[in-house]
Amino acid sequence: TSRHGMESLEAFYQDLELTLATARRNSGIVFIAGDLNSKLGTLGPQPRYSRTLTKKQEIKRISHQVAHMGAYGKGTRNAHGDRLTQFMKSWGLYASNTHFRHPMRHRTTHNGPCGGGSGDTTTISHSQIDYILIPNKFKSSLQSSRCYHGHVKESDHGIVSTTVRMDAIWLKLAQHHQRATEAEHGEVAGAAAGGAGAGASVGAAAAARAGGAGVSTGRG
């Protein structure tokens, strides 16, 4: 990627981060969807960490350690994919259409000439560069995510679709709100108790001073 290309990429992510921050201030649920022109690649093949696990089990186990994507990406990560990964990790996002095991044709989101710096316009590439990003904390609410081709509108991009359980998301938000409220009330109660204790200590100290002064006066 050229220097000019990287500068444009950074400008794009600066705008995206500003937009995301603004959206999150106004909503508890914000998804990002679109052509991000980035290849996240796949988690496999992976080195064998255990002779007792199959390759599928190893990929699944390793994917649990990767917060930003699932085990079913496509291809090899590129420079744009590195920047997208950095963005997702920073904002706690997850690429939903890498979560489920689908045939490669349903992971592929773009079919078109390789182009790029190679100038090759005859070789057709089949890439995964379109994503639906969801907050990582909602990953357990995913029901399906894949790409559909053969739609009426002519395009070299497919339609990426993700289905989530909104009841599960609302439940998580309610639980988070409840925990935050309880923590806030606990802090207020603790502060009030601390204030009352401090008041009692001050009162006791004042009474002691008053008693001491009385004794001293009595001796005089």
Protein backbone atom coordinates (compact mmCIF):
# COMPACT_ATOMS: atom_id res chain seq x y z
CA THR A 1 0.00 0.00 0.00
CA SER A 2 1.39 3.42 -0.99
CA ARG A 3 2.01 6.24 1.48
CA HIS A 4 -0.87 8.21 -0.04
CA GLY A 5 -3.06 5.14 0.28
CA MET A 6 -2.17 4.73 3.96
CA GLU A 7 -2.88 8.40 4.63
CA SER A 8 -6.31 8.03 3.03
CA LEU A 9 -6.89 4.88 5.07
CA GLU A 10 -6.04 6.66 8.33
CA ALA A 11 -8.34 9.55 7.40
CA PHE A 12 -11.14 7.06 6.80
CA TYR A 13 -10.70 5.41 10.21
CA GLN A 14 -10.49 8.77 11.96
CA ASP A 15 -13.85 9.71 10.46
CA LEU A 16 -15.27 6.27 11.29
CA GLU A 17 -14.11 6.45 14.92
CA LEU A 18 -15.62 9.92 15.33
CA THR A 19 -18.91 8.70 13.85
CA LEU A 20 -18.94 5.59 16.04
CA ALA A 21 -18.22 7.57 19.21
CA THR A 22 -21.08 9.96 18.40
CA ALA A 23 -23.47 7.08 17.64
CA ARG A 24 -22.62 5.25 20.88
CA ARG A 25 -23.44 8.32 22.92
CA ASN A 26 -26.96 8.19 21.53
CA SER A 27 -27.58 4.43 21.35
CA GLY A 28 -26.65 1.27 23.21
CA ILE A 29 -26.72 -0.79 20.00
CA VAL A 30 -24.49 0.25 17.09
CA PHE A 31 -23.53 -2.05 14.19
CA ILE A 32 -21.18 -1.17 11.34
CA ALA A 33 -21.82 -2.66 7.90
CA GLY A 34 -20.23 -2.09 4.53
CA ASP A 35 -17.40 -2.59 2.07
CA LEU A 36 -14.33 -2.08 4.25
CA ASN A 37 -11.95 -3.17 1.46
CA SER A 38 -10.01 -5.27 3.97
CA LYS A 39 -9.08 -8.93 4.13
CA LEU A 40 -9.09 -10.29 7.67
CA GLY A 41 -8.01 -13.69 6.42
CA THR A 42 -8.59 -16.94 8.25
CA LEU A 43 -7.34 -18.35 11.54
CA GLY A 44 -6.32 -21.63 9.93
CA PRO A 45 -4.28 -23.58 9.28
CA GLN A 46 -2.92 -23.44 12.80
CA PRO A 47 -0.01 -25.27 14.44
CA ARG A 48 -0.99 -28.38 16.33
CA TYR A 49 -0.99 -27.62 20.05
CA SER A 50 -2.37 -31.00 21.03
CA ARG A 51 -2.36 -34.41 19.40
CA THR A 52 -5.71 -35.15 21.04
CA LEU A 53 -7.58 -32.41 19.11
CA THR A 54 -8.71 -32.49 15.50
CA LYS A 55 -7.89 -29.53 13.23
CA LYS A 56 -11.51 -28.32 13.53
CA GLN A 57 -11.36 -28.48 17.33
CA GLU A 58 -8.05 -26.59 17.36
CA ILE A 59 -9.41 -23.80 15.16
CA LYS A 60 -12.51 -23.52 17.34
CA ARG A 61 -10.42 -23.41 20.51
CA ILE A 62 -8.06 -20.77 19.11
CA SER A 63 -10.98 -18.66 17.83
CA HIS A 64 -12.19 -18.34 21.42
CA GLN A 65 -8.93 -16.54 22.20
CA VAL A 66 -9.42 -14.04 19.34
CA ALA A 67 -11.95 -11.40 20.35
CA HIS A 68 -12.43 -9.63 17.01
CA MET A 69 -13.27 -12.47 14.57
CA GLY A 70 -14.40 -16.05 14.27
CA ALA A 71 -12.67 -19.10 12.83
CA TYR A 72 -14.27 -18.83 9.39
CA GLY A 73 -12.74 -15.93 7.51
CA LYS A 74 -11.30 -16.29 4.02
CA GLY A 75 -7.91 -15.90 2.37
CA THR A 76 -4.87 -14.12 3.79
CA ARG A 77 -4.90 -10.91 5.80
CA ASN A 78 -3.59 -7.81 4.05
CA ALA A 79 -2.42 -4.39 5.27
CA HIS A 80 -5.96 -3.03 5.27
CA GLY A 81 -6.96 -6.09 7.27
CA ASP A 82 -4.31 -5.26 9.85
CA ARG A 83 -5.75 -1.75 10.23
CA LEU A 84 -9.30 -3.08 10.47
CA THR A 85 -8.18 -5.55 13.15
CA GLN A 86 -6.62 -2.70 15.12
CA PHE A 87 -9.85 -0.72 14.85
CA MET A 88 -12.02 -3.65 15.97
CA LYS A 89 -9.80 -4.44 18.95
CA SER A 90 -9.80 -0.80 20.04
CA TRP A 91 -13.59 -0.51 19.90
CA GLY A 92 -14.55 -4.03 21.03
CA LEU A 93 -16.07 -5.09 17.69
CA TYR A 94 -16.54 -8.51 16.13
CA ALA A 95 -16.78 -9.49 12.44
CA SER A 96 -20.06 -11.41 12.51
CA ASN A 97 -19.71 -12.97 9.05
CA THR A 98 -16.60 -14.87 10.16
CA HIS A 99 -18.51 -16.59 12.96
CA PHE A 100 -20.26 -19.47 11.17
CA ARG A 101 -18.91 -22.33 9.13
CA HIS A 102 -20.22 -21.82 5.58
CA PRO A 103 -19.01 -22.90 2.13
CA MET A 104 -16.47 -20.49 0.68
CA ARG A 105 -19.02 -19.11 -1.78
CA HIS A 106 -21.07 -17.88 1.20
CA ARG A 107 -18.02 -16.32 2.85
CA THR A 108 -16.99 -14.57 -0.37
CA THR A 109 -18.44 -11.06 -0.53
CA HIS A 110 -16.72 -9.70 -3.66
CA ASN A 111 -16.09 -11.22 -7.08
CA GLY A 112 -14.11 -9.00 -9.41
CA PRO A 113 -10.81 -8.28 -11.16
CA CYS A 114 -7.75 -8.39 -8.95
CA GLY A 115 -6.75 -4.88 -10.01
CA GLY A 116 -4.87 -3.05 -7.27
CA GLY A 117 -1.19 -2.33 -7.82
CA SER A 118 -0.77 -5.37 -10.07
CA GLY A 119 -2.87 -3.83 -12.84
CA ASP A 120 -4.36 -7.27 -13.50
CA THR A 121 -7.92 -6.79 -14.78
CA THR A 122 -8.41 -10.25 -16.25
CA THR A 123 -7.93 -12.51 -13.23
CA ILE A 124 -11.06 -12.69 -11.08
CA SER A 125 -10.57 -12.74 -7.32
CA HIS A 126 -13.10 -14.04 -4.81
CA SER A 127 -12.58 -12.12 -1.59
CA GLN A 128 -14.15 -11.43 1.77
CA ILE A 129 -13.90 -7.65 2.16
CA ASP A 130 -17.43 -6.69 3.27
CA TYR A 131 -18.35 -7.11 6.92
CA ILE A 132 -21.03 -6.54 9.50
CA LEU A 133 -19.30 -5.56 12.75
CA ILE A 134 -21.17 -5.96 16.02
CA PRO A 135 -20.12 -5.24 19.62
CA ASN A 136 -18.15 -8.19 20.93
CA LYS A 137 -20.39 -8.42 24.00
CA PHE A 138 -23.32 -9.35 21.71
CA LYS A 139 -21.47 -12.21 20.01
CA SER A 140 -23.53 -14.82 21.88
CA SER A 141 -26.73 -13.40 20.35
CA LEU A 142 -25.66 -14.29 16.78
CA GLN A 143 -27.96 -16.72 14.97
CA SER A 144 -26.65 -16.58 11.40
CA SER A 145 -24.39 -14.55 9.13
CA ARG A 146 -23.40 -15.15 5.52
CA CYS A 147 -23.23 -13.60 2.05
CA TYR A 148 -25.87 -13.97 -0.65
CA HIS A 149 -25.19 -13.71 -4.38
CA GLY A 150 -27.40 -13.71 -7.48
CA HIS A 151 -29.49 -10.73 -6.40
CA VAL A 152 -31.44 -8.63 -8.89
CA LYS A 153 -29.25 -5.52 -8.73
CA GLU A 154 -26.05 -6.01 -10.75
CA SER A 155 -23.00 -5.68 -8.53
CA ASP A 156 -19.65 -7.33 -7.95
CA HIS A 157 -20.47 -7.37 -4.23
CA GLY A 158 -22.81 -9.80 -2.55
CA ILE A 159 -25.31 -9.00 0.20
CA VAL A 160 -24.00 -9.75 3.68
CA SER A 161 -26.74 -10.63 6.13
CA THR A 162 -26.52 -11.10 9.89
CA THR A 163 -29.31 -12.26 12.19
CA VAL A 164 -29.18 -11.62 15.93
CA ARG A 165 -31.54 -12.30 18.82
CA MET A 166 -32.69 -8.86 19.87
CA ASP A 167 -34.26 -10.22 23.06
CA ALA A 168 -30.83 -11.50 24.12
CA ILE A 169 -29.26 -8.11 23.33
CA TRP A 170 -31.90 -6.19 25.27
CA LEU A 171 -31.42 -8.59 28.21
CA LYS A 172 -27.65 -7.94 28.21
CA LEU A 173 -28.24 -4.19 28.11
CA ALA A 174 -30.75 -4.42 30.98
CA GLN A 175 -28.31 -6.49 33.05
CA HIS A 176 -25.51 -4.04 32.35
CA HIS A 177 -27.74 -1.12 33.34
CA GLN A 178 -28.78 -2.92 36.54
CA ARG A 179 -25.17 -3.63 37.51
CA ALA A 180 -24.18 -0.04 36.81
CA THR A 181 -27.11 1.25 38.89
CA GLU A 182 -26.30 -1.08 41.79
CA ALA A 183 -22.65 -0.06 41.68
CA GLU A 184 -23.64 3.62 41.66
CA HIS A 185 -26.02 3.15 44.59
CA GLY A 186 -23.32 1.20 46.44
CA GLU A 187 -20.86 4.05 45.98
CA VAL A 188 -23.45 6.60 47.16
CA ALA A 189 -24.35 4.47 50.18
CA GLY A 190 -20.67 4.00 50.97
CA ALA A 191 -20.06 7.72 50.72
CA ALA A 192 -23.07 8.42 52.94
CA ALA A 193 -21.91 5.89 55.52
CA GLY A 194 -18.43 7.36 55.41
CA GLY A 195 -19.88 10.83 55.88
CA ALA A 196 -21.98 9.67 58.81
CA GLY A 197 -18.93 8.00 60.38
CA ALA A 198 -16.90 11.13 59.88
CA GLY A 199 -19.70 13.19 61.40
CA ALA A 200 -19.82 10.89 64.41
CA SER A 201 -16.04 11.15 64.83
CA VAL A 202 -16.18 14.93 64.63
CA GLY A 203 -19.04 14.98 67.14
CA ALA A 204 -17.11 12.74 69.53
CA ALA A 205 -14.02 14.87 69.17
CA ALA A 206 -16.01 18.02 69.79
CA ALA A 207 -17.61 16.49 72.88
CA ALA A 208 -14.20 15.46 74.18
CA ARG A 209 -12.85 18.96 73.63
CA ALA A 210 -15.87 20.44 75.37
CA GLY A 211 -15.42 18.07 78.32
CA GLY A 212 -11.73 18.83 78.57
CA ALA A 213 -12.41 22.55 78.56
CA GLY A 214 -14.99 22.14 81.34
CA VAL A 215 -12.56 20.24 83.50
CA SER A 216 -9.90 22.83 82.92
CA THR A 217 -12.36 25.60 83.80
CA GLY A 218 -13.45 23.72 86.90
CA ARG A 219 -9.87 23.52 88.12
CA GLY A 220 -9.46 27.21 87.61
